[in-house]
C-alpha atoms as a PDB file:
ATOM      1  CA  MET A   1     -29.759 -28.847 -21.390  1.00  0.00           C
ATOM      2  CA  PRO A   2     -27.150 -31.195 -19.860  1.00  0.00           C
ATOM      3  CA  GLU A   3     -28.036 -33.262 -16.821  1.00  0.00           C
ATOM      4  CA  LYS A   4     -26.941 -32.079 -13.398  1.00  0.00           C
ATOM      5  CA  VAL A   5     -23.487 -33.441 -12.543  1.00  0.00           C
ATOM      6  CA  MET A   6     -23.389 -35.508  -9.359  1.00  0.00           C
ATOM      7  CA  PRO A   7     -20.356 -36.680  -7.378  1.00  0.00           C
ATOM      8  CA  GLY A   8     -18.974 -39.954  -8.729  1.00  0.00           C
ATOM      9  CA  PRO A   9     -17.259 -41.509 -11.750  1.00  0.00           C
ATOM     10  CA  ILE A  10     -17.638 -39.755 -15.109  1.00  0.00           C
ATOM     11  CA  GLU A  11     -16.997 -40.930 -18.647  1.00  0.00           C
ATOM     12  CA  ASP A  12     -15.674 -37.873 -20.447  1.00  0.00           C
ATOM     13  CA  PRO A  13     -13.543 -37.711 -23.603  1.00  0.00           C
ATOM     14  CA  SER A  14     -11.480 -34.802 -22.193  1.00  0.00           C
ATOM     15  CA  GLY A  15      -9.965 -37.038 -19.522  1.00  0.00           C
ATOM     16  CA  ILE A  16     -12.156 -36.190 -16.511  1.00  0.00           C
ATOM     17  CA  ARG A  17     -12.523 -39.363 -14.444  1.00  0.00           C
ATOM     18  CA  GLU A  18     -14.628 -38.235 -11.501  1.00  0.00           C
ATOM     19  CA  ALA A  19     -16.668 -35.387 -10.047  1.00  0.00           C
ATOM     20  CA  VAL A  20     -15.630 -34.736  -6.436  1.00  0.00           C
ATOM     21  CA  CYS A  21     -17.249 -32.514  -3.806  1.00  0.00           C
ATOM     22  CA  ILE A  22     -14.559 -30.627  -1.862  1.00  0.00           C
ATOM     23  CA  HIS A  23     -14.585 -28.168   1.032  1.00  0.00           C
ATOM     24  CA  THR A  24     -12.474 -25.085   0.363  1.00  0.00           C
ATOM     25  CA  ARG A  25     -12.440 -21.301   0.480  1.00  0.00           C
ATOM     26  CA  LYS A  26     -14.109 -19.641  -2.464  1.00  0.00           C
ATOM     27  CA  ILE A  27     -12.922 -16.158  -3.460  1.00  0.00           C
ATOM     28  CA  TYR A  28     -16.009 -13.935  -3.720  1.00  0.00           C
ATOM     29  CA  ASP A  29     -14.291 -10.645  -4.513  1.00  0.00           C
ATOM     30  CA  SER A  30     -10.778  -9.263  -4.806  1.00  0.00           C
ATOM     31  CA  CYS A  31      -8.914  -6.128  -5.828  1.00  0.00           C
ATOM     32  CA  ARG A  32      -5.352  -5.008  -6.420  1.00  0.00           C
ATOM     33  CA  ASP A  33      -3.743  -1.677  -5.587  1.00  0.00           C
ATOM     34  CA  LYS A  34      -0.658   0.305  -6.462  1.00  0.00           C
ATOM     35  CA  ASP A  35      -0.447   2.801  -3.589  1.00  0.00           C
ATOM     36  CA  CYS A  36       1.923   5.754  -3.609  1.00  0.00           C
ATOM     37  CA  ILE A  37       1.960   6.577   0.116  1.00  0.00           C
ATOM     38  CA  GLU A  38       3.172  10.148   0.482  1.00  0.00           C
ATOM     39  CA  ASP A  39       4.468  11.828   3.666  1.00  0.00           C
ATOM     40  CA  LEU A  40       4.335   8.726   5.842  1.00  0.00           C
ATOM     41  CA  ARG A  41       5.641   9.502   9.330  1.00  0.00           C
ATOM     42  CA  PHE A  42       8.938   7.824  10.231  1.00  0.00           C
ATOM     43  CA  TYR A  43       9.396   6.876  13.913  1.00  0.00           C
ATOM     44  CA  PRO A  44      13.133   6.275  14.488  1.00  0.00           C
ATOM     45  CA  LYS A  45      14.725   4.189  17.181  1.00  0.00           C
ATOM     46  CA  MET A  46      15.605   6.306  20.209  1.00  0.00           C
ATOM     47  CA  GLN A  47      19.335   5.940  19.534  1.00  0.00           C
ATOM     48  CA  TYR A  48      18.910   7.752  16.183  1.00  0.00           C
ATOM     49  CA  VAL A  49      16.849  10.741  17.382  1.00  0.00           C
ATOM     50  CA  ASP A  50      19.959  12.858  17.977  1.00  0.00           C
ATOM     51  CA  VAL A  51      21.313  11.917  14.527  1.00  0.00           C
ATOM     52  CA  ILE A  52      18.098  13.142  12.876  1.00  0.00           C
ATOM     53  CA  ASN A  53      18.171  16.361  14.906  1.00  0.00           C
ATOM     54  CA  ARG A  54      21.664  17.122  13.532  1.00  0.00           C
ATOM     55  CA  ALA A  55      21.103  15.826  10.002  1.00  0.00           C
ATOM     56  CA  LEU A  56      21.233  18.144   6.995  1.00  0.00           C
ATOM     57  CA  SER A  57      19.174  15.795   4.825  1.00  0.00           C
ATOM     58  CA  VAL A  58      17.965  12.207   4.520  1.00  0.00           C
ATOM     59  CA  LYS A  59      17.746   9.915   1.522  1.00  0.00           C
ATOM     60  CA  GLY A  60      15.756   6.799   0.826  1.00  0.00           C
ATOM     61  CA  GLY A  61      17.088   3.381   1.703  1.00  0.00           C
ATOM     62  CA  SER A  62      14.968   0.255   1.991  1.00  0.00           C
ATOM     63  CA  ALA A  63      11.710  -0.882   3.587  1.00  0.00           C
ATOM     64  CA  LYS A  64      10.466  -4.242   4.830  1.00  0.00           C
ATOM     65  CA  LEU A  65       6.831  -5.138   5.458  1.00  0.00           C
ATOM     66  CA  LEU A  66       6.637  -6.624   8.971  1.00  0.00           C
ATOM     67  CA  HIS A  67       2.928  -7.260   9.481  1.00  0.00           C
ATOM     68  CA  VAL A  68      -0.562  -6.337   8.272  1.00  0.00           C
ATOM     69  CA  TYR A  69      -3.378  -6.175  10.823  1.00  0.00           C
ATOM     70  CA  VAL A  70      -6.693  -6.975   9.067  1.00  0.00           C
ATOM     71  CA  ASP A  71     -10.251  -6.389  10.310  1.00  0.00           C
ATOM     72  CA  VAL A  72     -13.508  -7.219   8.472  1.00  0.00           C
ATOM     73  CA  GLU A  73     -16.862  -5.563   9.247  1.00  0.00           C
ATOM     74  CA  PRO A  74     -20.186  -5.734   7.339  1.00  0.00           C
ATOM     75  CA  VAL A  75     -21.424  -2.631   5.515  1.00  0.00           C
ATOM     76  CA  SER A  76     -24.767  -1.707   7.078  1.00  0.00           C
ATOM     77  CA  PHE A  77     -26.204   0.075   4.034  1.00  0.00           C
ATOM     78  CA  ASN A  78     -25.241  -2.568   1.444  1.00  0.00           C
ATOM     79  CA  ARG A  79     -25.972  -6.231   2.190  1.00  0.00           C
ATOM     80  CA  GLY A  80     -23.274  -8.710   1.303  1.00  0.00           C
ATOM     81  CA  PHE A  81     -20.491  -6.097   1.257  1.00  0.00           C
ATOM     82  CA  TYR A  82     -17.759  -5.717   3.870  1.00  0.00           C
ATOM     83  CA  THR A  83     -15.118  -3.165   4.771  1.00  0.00           C
ATOM     84  CA  VAL A  84     -11.589  -4.490   5.058  1.00  0.00           C
ATOM     85  CA  ASP A  85      -9.450  -2.263   7.273  1.00  0.00           C
ATOM     86  CA  MET A  86      -5.705  -2.855   7.111  1.00  0.00           C
ATOM     87  CA  ARG A  87      -2.785  -1.442   9.056  1.00  0.00           C
ATOM     88  CA  PHE A  88       0.638  -1.990   7.495  1.00  0.00           C
ATOM     89  CA  PHE A  89       3.737  -1.952   9.728  1.00  0.00           C
ATOM     90  CA  TYR A  90       7.074  -1.270   7.991  1.00  0.00           C
ATOM     91  CA  ALA A  91      10.685  -1.412   9.121  1.00  0.00           C
ATOM     92  CA  VAL A  92      12.374   1.407   7.187  1.00  0.00           C
ATOM     93  CA  THR A  93      16.089   2.099   6.811  1.00  0.00           C
ATOM     94  CA  LEU A  94      17.220   5.582   5.698  1.00  0.00           C
ATOM     95  CA  GLN A  95      20.516   7.369   5.114  1.00  0.00           C
ATOM     96  CA  ALA A  96      21.029  10.536   7.216  1.00  0.00           C
ATOM     97  CA  TYR A  97      23.669  12.999   6.014  1.00  0.00           C
ATOM     98  CA  LEU A  98      25.492  15.093   8.641  1.00  0.00           C
ATOM     99  CA  SER A  99      28.429  17.438   8.077  1.00  0.00           C
ATOM    100  CA  CYS A 100      30.707  14.530   7.168  1.00  0.00           C
ATOM    101  CA  PRO A 101      30.407  12.976   3.681  1.00  0.00           C
ATOM    102  CA  ALA A 102      29.609   9.447   4.895  1.00  0.00           C
ATOM    103  CA  PRO A 103      25.901   8.973   5.718  1.00  0.00           C
ATOM    104  CA  VAL A 104      24.604   7.430   8.937  1.00  0.00           C
ATOM    105  CA  THR A 105      22.141   4.576   8.617  1.00  0.00           C
ATOM    106  CA  VAL A 106      19.017   5.121  10.743  1.00  0.00           C
ATOM    107  CA  GLU A 107      16.247   2.597  11.357  1.00  0.00           C
ATOM    108  CA  GLY A 108      12.640   3.103  12.363  1.00  0.00           C
ATOM    109  CA  LEU A 109       8.955   2.274  11.930  1.00  0.00           C
ATOM    110  CA  CYS A 110       6.294   3.502   9.516  1.00  0.00           C
ATOM    111  CA  VAL A 111       2.558   2.748   9.763  1.00  0.00           C
ATOM    112  CA  PHE A 112       0.041   2.928   6.913  1.00  0.00           C
ATOM    113  CA  ASP A 113      -3.762   2.557   7.184  1.00  0.00           C
ATOM    114  CA  LYS A 114      -5.870   1.410   4.245  1.00  0.00           C
ATOM    115  CA  ARG A 115      -9.547   0.493   3.683  1.00  0.00           C
ATOM    116  CA  VAL A 116     -11.343  -1.271   0.837  1.00  0.00           C
ATOM    117  CA  ILE A 117     -14.943  -2.477   0.348  1.00  0.00           C
ATOM    118  CA  LEU A 118     -15.484  -5.913  -1.199  1.00  0.00           C
ATOM    119  CA  PHE A 119     -18.382  -8.284  -1.787  1.00  0.00           C
ATOM    120  CA  GLY A 120     -18.374 -11.306   0.525  1.00  0.00           C
ATOM    121  CA  SER A 121     -21.944 -12.645   0.159  1.00  0.00           C
ATOM    122  CA  GLU A 122     -24.118 -13.635   3.123  1.00  0.00           C
ATOM    123  CA  GLY A 123     -24.373 -16.595   5.445  1.00  0.00           C
ATOM    124  CA  ASN A 124     -25.437 -17.194   9.045  1.00  0.00           C
ATOM    125  CA  ALA A 125     -24.523 -20.846   9.525  1.00  0.00           C
ATOM    126  CA  LYS A 126     -22.801 -21.925  12.730  1.00  0.00           C
ATOM    127  CA  ILE A 127     -19.908 -24.323  12.179  1.00  0.00           C
ATOM    128  CA  PHE A 128     -18.844 -27.116  14.549  1.00  0.00           C
ATOM    129  CA  SER A 129     -15.948 -29.535  14.058  1.00  0.00           C
ATOM    130  CA  SER A 130     -14.399 -32.517  15.848  1.00  0.00           C
ATOM    131  CA  GLU A 131     -10.939 -31.609  14.544  1.00  0.00           C
ATOM    132  CA  LEU A 132      -8.205 -32.091  17.116  1.00  0.00           C
ATOM    133  CA  ARG A 133      -6.673 -28.937  18.619  1.00  0.00           C
ATOM    134  CA  VAL A 134      -2.959 -29.468  19.229  1.00  0.00           C
ATOM    135  CA  GLY A 135      -1.916 -29.193  22.861  1.00  0.00           C
ATOM    136  CA  GLU A 136      -5.472 -29.464  24.232  1.00  0.00           C
ATOM    137  CA  PRO A 137      -7.816 -32.332  25.121  1.00  0.00           C
ATOM    138  CA  ASP A 138      -9.381 -34.152  22.184  1.00  0.00           C
ATOM    139  CA  ILE A 139     -12.636 -32.208  22.178  1.00  0.00           C
ATOM    140  CA  GLN A 140     -14.588 -30.373  19.526  1.00  0.00           C
ATOM    141  CA  MET A 141     -13.289 -27.078  18.314  1.00  0.00           C
ATOM    142  CA  MET A 142     -15.096 -23.941  19.434  1.00  0.00           C
ATOM    143  CA  ARG A 143     -18.126 -22.904  17.429  1.00  0.00           C
ATOM    144  CA  ARG A 144     -17.484 -20.411  14.669  1.00  0.00           C
ATOM    145  CA  ALA A 145     -19.465 -18.703  11.948  1.00  0.00           C
ATOM    146  CA  ASN A 146     -18.950 -18.809   8.197  1.00  0.00           C
ATOM    147  CA  ALA A 147     -18.172 -15.105   7.975  1.00  0.00           C
ATOM    148  CA  PRO A 148     -15.882 -14.055   5.108  1.00  0.00           C
ATOM    149  CA  ILE A 149     -12.144 -14.048   5.708  1.00  0.00           C
ATOM    150  CA  ALA A 150      -9.957 -11.258   4.359  1.00  0.00           C
ATOM    151  CA  VAL A 151      -6.586 -12.190   2.889  1.00  0.00           C
ATOM    152  CA  VAL A 152      -3.960  -9.535   2.127  1.00  0.00           C
ATOM    153  CA  GLU A 153      -0.959 -10.232  -0.098  1.00  0.00           C
ATOM    154  CA  ALA A 154       1.742  -7.577  -0.333  1.00  0.00           C
ATOM    155  CA  VAL A 155       5.388  -7.230  -1.264  1.00  0.00           C
ATOM    156  CA  ASP A 156       8.029  -5.127   0.452  1.00  0.00           C
ATOM    157  CA  PRO A 157       7.478  -1.493  -0.580  1.00  0.00           C
ATOM    158  CA  ILE A 158       9.833   0.747  -2.532  1.00  0.00           C
ATOM    159  CA  VAL A 159      11.238   3.814  -0.761  1.00  0.00           C
ATOM    160  CA  LEU A 160      10.556   6.643  -3.215  1.00  0.00           C
ATOM    161  CA  ASP A 161      11.493   9.712  -1.159  1.00  0.00           C
ATOM    162  CA  ALA A 162      12.439  10.954   2.311  1.00  0.00           C
ATOM    163  CA  ARG A 163      12.620  14.434   3.849  1.00  0.00           C
ATOM    164  CA  ILE A 164      13.127  16.209   7.194  1.00  0.00           C
ATOM    165  CA  MET A 165      10.694  18.791   8.570  1.00  0.00           C
ATOM    166  CA  ASP A 166      11.066  21.028  11.627  1.00  0.00           C
ATOM    167  CA  CYS A 167       8.042  20.908  13.913  1.00  0.00           C
ATOM    168  CA  CYS A 168       7.324  24.355  15.352  1.00  0.00           C
ATOM    169  CA  GLY A 169       4.183  23.522  17.288  1.00  0.00           C
ATOM    170  CA  LYS A 170       1.683  20.766  17.962  1.00  0.00           C
ATOM    171  CA  ARG A 171      -0.696  22.247  15.385  1.00  0.00           C
ATOM    172  CA  ASP A 172       1.913  21.794  12.664  1.00  0.00           C
ATOM    173  CA  CYS A 173       2.508  18.152  13.545  1.00  0.00           C
ATOM    174  CA  ASP A 174       0.593  14.933  13.152  1.00  0.00           C
ATOM    175  CA  CYS A 175      -0.431  12.569  15.935  1.00  0.00           C
ATOM    176  CA  ASP A 176       2.012  10.506  17.967  1.00  0.00           C
ATOM    177  CA  LEU A 177       2.819   6.860  17.373  1.00  0.00           C
ATOM    178  CA  CYS A 178      -0.173   4.548  17.546  1.00  0.00           C
ATOM    179  CA  GLU A 179      -0.228   1.344  19.566  1.00  0.00           C
ATOM    180  CA  VAL A 180       2.274  -1.113  18.102  1.00  0.00           C
ATOM    181  CA  PRO A 181       1.900  -4.900  18.598  1.00  0.00           C
ATOM    182  CA  SER A 182       4.569  -6.424  20.817  1.00  0.00           C
ATOM    183  CA  PHE A 183       5.857  -8.757  18.104  1.00  0.00           C
ATOM    184  CA  VAL A 184       6.367  -5.759  15.791  1.00  0.00           C
ATOM    185  CA  ASN A 185       8.268  -3.932  18.528  1.00  0.00           C
ATOM    186  CA  SER A 186      10.457  -6.988  19.002  1.00  0.00           C
ATOM    187  CA  CYS A 187      11.642  -6.655  15.377  1.00  0.00           C
ATOM    188  CA  PHE A 188      13.564  -3.522  16.413  1.00  0.00           C
ATOM    189  CA  ASP A 189      16.628  -3.919  18.580  1.00  0.00           C
ATOM    190  CA  GLY A 190      15.806  -0.957  20.779  1.00  0.00           C
ATOM    191  CA  GLU A 191      13.027   1.403  21.849  1.00  0.00           C
ATOM    192  CA  LEU A 192      11.145   3.442  19.247  1.00  0.00           C
ATOM    193  CA  SER A 193      10.568   7.175  19.515  1.00  0.00           C
ATOM    194  CA  SER A 194       7.065   8.091  20.678  1.00  0.00           C
ATOM    195  CA  GLY A 195       6.737  10.795  18.027  1.00  0.00           C
ATOM    196  CA  ASP A 196       7.205  14.012  20.032  1.00  0.00           C
ATOM    197  CA  ASP A 197      10.527  14.915  18.435  1.00  0.00           C
ATOM    198  CA  SER A 198      11.292  18.478  17.311  1.00  0.00           C
ATOM    199  CA  ARG A 199      12.480  17.285  13.876  1.00  0.00           C
ATOM    200  CA  ARG A 200      10.503  14.731  11.968  1.00  0.00           C
ATOM    201  CA  VAL A 201      11.164  12.548   8.954  1.00  0.00           C
ATOM    202  CA  TYR A 202       8.546  11.743   6.314  1.00  0.00           C
ATOM    203  CA  VAL A 203       8.953   9.070   3.670  1.00  0.00           C
ATOM    204  CA  THR A 204       7.087   8.172   0.490  1.00  0.00           C
ATOM    205  CA  LEU A 205       6.566   4.466  -0.182  1.00  0.00           C
ATOM    206  CA  GLY A 206       5.310   2.577  -3.221  1.00  0.00           C
ATOM    207  CA  GLN A 207       3.186  -0.401  -2.168  1.00  0.00           C
ATOM    208  CA  PHE A 208       1.740  -3.210  -4.308  1.00  0.00           C
ATOM    209  CA  SER A 209      -1.025  -5.282  -2.696  1.00  0.00           C
ATOM    210  CA  ILE A 210      -3.876  -7.693  -3.410  1.00  0.00           C
ATOM    211  CA  VAL A 211      -6.911  -7.986  -1.106  1.00  0.00           C
ATOM    212  CA  ARG A 212      -9.557 -10.685  -1.352  1.00  0.00           C
ATOM    213  CA  LEU A 213     -12.575 -11.968   0.592  1.00  0.00           C
ATOM    214  CA  GLU A 214     -12.915 -15.729   0.989  1.00  0.00           C
ATOM    215  CA  ARG A 215     -15.661 -17.869   2.505  1.00  0.00           C
ATOM    216  CA  ASP A 216     -15.826 -21.572   3.369  1.00  0.00           C
ATOM    217  CA  THR A 217     -17.963 -23.452   0.863  1.00  0.00           C
ATOM    218  CA  GLN A 218     -18.439 -26.808  -0.865  1.00  0.00           C
ATOM    219  CA  LEU A 219     -17.641 -27.049  -4.565  1.00  0.00           C
ATOM    220  CA  LEU A 220     -18.067 -29.798  -7.137  1.00  0.00           C
ATOM    221  CA  VAL A 221     -14.871 -30.056  -9.168  1.00  0.00           C
ATOM    222  CA  PRO A 222     -13.662 -32.346 -11.964  1.00  0.00           C
ATOM    223  CA  VAL A 223     -10.869 -34.788 -11.176  1.00  0.00           C
ATOM    224  CA  TYR A 224      -8.473 -36.036 -13.849  1.00  0.00           C
ATOM    225  CA  ASP A 225      -6.389 -38.362 -11.708  1.00  0.00           C
ATOM    226  CA  TYR A 226      -4.471 -38.579  -8.429  1.00  0.00           C
ATOM    227  CA  CYS A 227      -1.518 -36.214  -8.047  1.00  0.00           C
ATOM    228  CA  MET A 228       1.460 -38.538  -8.207  1.00  0.00           C
ATOM    229  CA  PRO A 229       4.786 -36.652  -7.868  1.00  0.00           C
ATOM    230  CA  GLU A 230       7.047 -37.105 -10.875  1.00  0.00           C
ATOM    231  CA  LYS A 231      10.249 -35.904  -9.167  1.00  0.00           C
ATOM    232  CA  GLU A 232      12.248 -38.282  -7.009  1.00  0.00           C
ATOM    233  CA  CYS A 233      13.334 -37.168  -3.539  1.00  0.00           C
ATOM    234  CA  SER A 234      17.012 -36.281  -3.212  1.00  0.00           C
ATOM    235  CA  CYS A 235      19.113 -37.848  -0.470  1.00  0.00           C
ATOM    236  CA  GLY A 236      19.818 -34.437   1.047  1.00  0.00           C
ATOM    237  CA  THR A 237      23.409 -35.220   2.000  1.00  0.00           C
ATOM    238  CA  GLY A 238      24.912 -32.806  -0.527  1.00  0.00           C
ATOM    239  CA  GLY A 239      27.717 -35.233  -1.340  1.00  0.00           C
ATOM    240  CA  GLY A 240      26.215 -36.968  -4.354  1.00  0.00           C
ATOM    241  CA  GLU A 241      27.380 -34.437  -6.933  1.00  0.00           C
ATOM    242  CA  ASP A 242      30.836 -33.217  -7.856  1.00  0.00           C
ATOM    243  CA  PRO A 243      31.196 -29.550  -6.744  1.00  0.00           C
ATOM    244  CA  CYS A 244      33.552 -28.823  -9.627  1.00  0.00           C
ATOM    245  CA  GLY A 245      31.067 -30.368 -12.037  1.00  0.00           C
ATOM    246  CA  ILE A 246      28.333 -28.071 -10.717  1.00  0.00           C
ATOM    247  CA  PHE A 247      30.676 -25.085 -11.034  1.00  0.00           C
ATOM    248  CA  ARG A 248      31.552 -25.957 -14.640  1.00  0.00           C
ATOM    249  CA  ASN A 249      27.838 -25.765 -15.561  1.00  0.00           C
ATOM    250  CA  ILE A 250      27.562 -22.155 -14.318  1.00  0.00           C
ATOM    251  CA  GLY A 251      27.848 -19.552 -17.073  1.00  0.00           C
ATOM    252  CA  PHE A 252      30.645 -17.002 -16.893  1.00  0.00           C
ATOM    253  CA  PRO A 253      29.306 -13.700 -15.412  1.00  0.00           C
ATOM    254  CA  VAL A 254      30.480 -11.412 -18.198  1.00  0.00           C
ATOM    255  CA  GLY A 255      28.282  -8.558 -17.016  1.00  0.00           C
ATOM    256  CA  GLU A 256      30.041  -8.471 -13.645  1.00  0.00           C
ATOM    257  CA  PHE A 257      33.384  -7.690 -15.299  1.00  0.00           C
ATOM    258  CA  PHE A 258      32.351  -5.438 -18.197  1.00  0.00           C
ATOM    259  CA  PRO A 259      29.883  -2.596 -17.471  1.00  0.00           C
ATOM    260  CA  PRO A 260      27.154  -2.154 -20.108  1.00  0.00           C
ATOM    261  CA  ASN A 261      27.426   0.655 -22.652  1.00  0.00           C
ATOM    262  CA  THR A 262      23.881   1.833 -21.946  1.00  0.00           C
ATOM    263  CA  VAL A 263      21.707   1.836 -18.844  1.00  0.00           C
ATOM    264  CA  LYS A 264      18.322   0.219 -19.360  1.00  0.00           C
ATOM    265  CA  LEU A 265      15.329   1.617 -17.489  1.00  0.00           C
ATOM    266  CA  PRO A 266      13.789  -0.831 -14.975  1.00  0.00           C
ATOM    267  CA  GLU A 267      10.863  -2.811 -16.340  1.00  0.00           C
ATOM    268  CA  ASN A 268       9.732  -4.785 -13.323  1.00  0.00           C
ATOM    269  CA  TYR A 269       9.260  -4.441  -9.585  1.00  0.00           C
ATOM    270  CA  GLU A 270      12.584  -5.875  -8.474  1.00  0.00           C
ATOM    271  CA  ASP A 271      14.563  -3.642 -10.842  1.00  0.00           C
ATOM    272  CA  ALA A 272      12.612  -0.556  -9.784  1.00  0.00           C
ATOM    273  CA  LYS A 273      13.071  -1.395  -6.114  1.00  0.00           C
ATOM    274  CA  PHE A 274      16.840  -1.701  -6.523  1.00  0.00           C
ATOM    275  CA  CYS A 275      16.996   1.478  -8.588  1.00  0.00           C
ATOM    276  CA  CYS A 276      15.116   3.585  -6.014  1.00  0.00           C
ATOM    277  CA  ALA A 277      16.976   2.100  -3.050  1.00  0.00           C
ATOM    278  CA  SER A 278      20.351   2.882  -4.568  1.00  0.00           C
ATOM    279  CA  GLY A 279      19.372   6.481  -5.343  1.00  0.00           C
ATOM    280  CA  ARG A 280      19.999   6.244  -9.124  1.00  0.00           C
END
């Protein structure tokens, strides 16, 4: 059985020079999801409510992920596990078709709630630090615990479908718009509808996401050498290279002038997103 590795210099044939103890966030658990979010309520800007009321149909456009609110709570019946509650806020752009052939672009908000359960281990240590807080007196930071931290990574969703539904009564309709953070509201140049409209739009989004639980910890890692950058810094003036020389190195865009004989099905996320957004 090999001896326990301690921090310090190491003689190793593979090139490891030193064992170093570092403080970092260790990922205890993670998951990935491919959510097809059907019939997600679309809350238009007030200026587009009348357009939707007169529209014959709507088609998908594009969607942008504005913010994800994340909350972590321990699971009472299973020690070491935590629920991660997420609320996704989207800015969605749709095409509304009236009696005239040209569609009208309408903008609005969609909200999606999601929950996962992940393992985050246990720990009750209280953490204190003398790290400087910018803009405040040079005092210790406030005490905090080493509870797990949830990290959510997501890309802009794909708009898969959109439809209009007439709301006959409150029983046939879903709840009104939830509380929206002020910085999300500020992303829209105008007031959003509260959700009590007679005609309502529902969209279907395709969302890719990764969720993980991290916790502060100390790890012993091998060190090969210091990270010395190999690339030299550019002057940043933009005048060191000949513009025509740069242009001559760009390949001729043949595909822009001659359409392909066959249409290839999308194989990745970006191609699929463009395909769905354009309605092909």
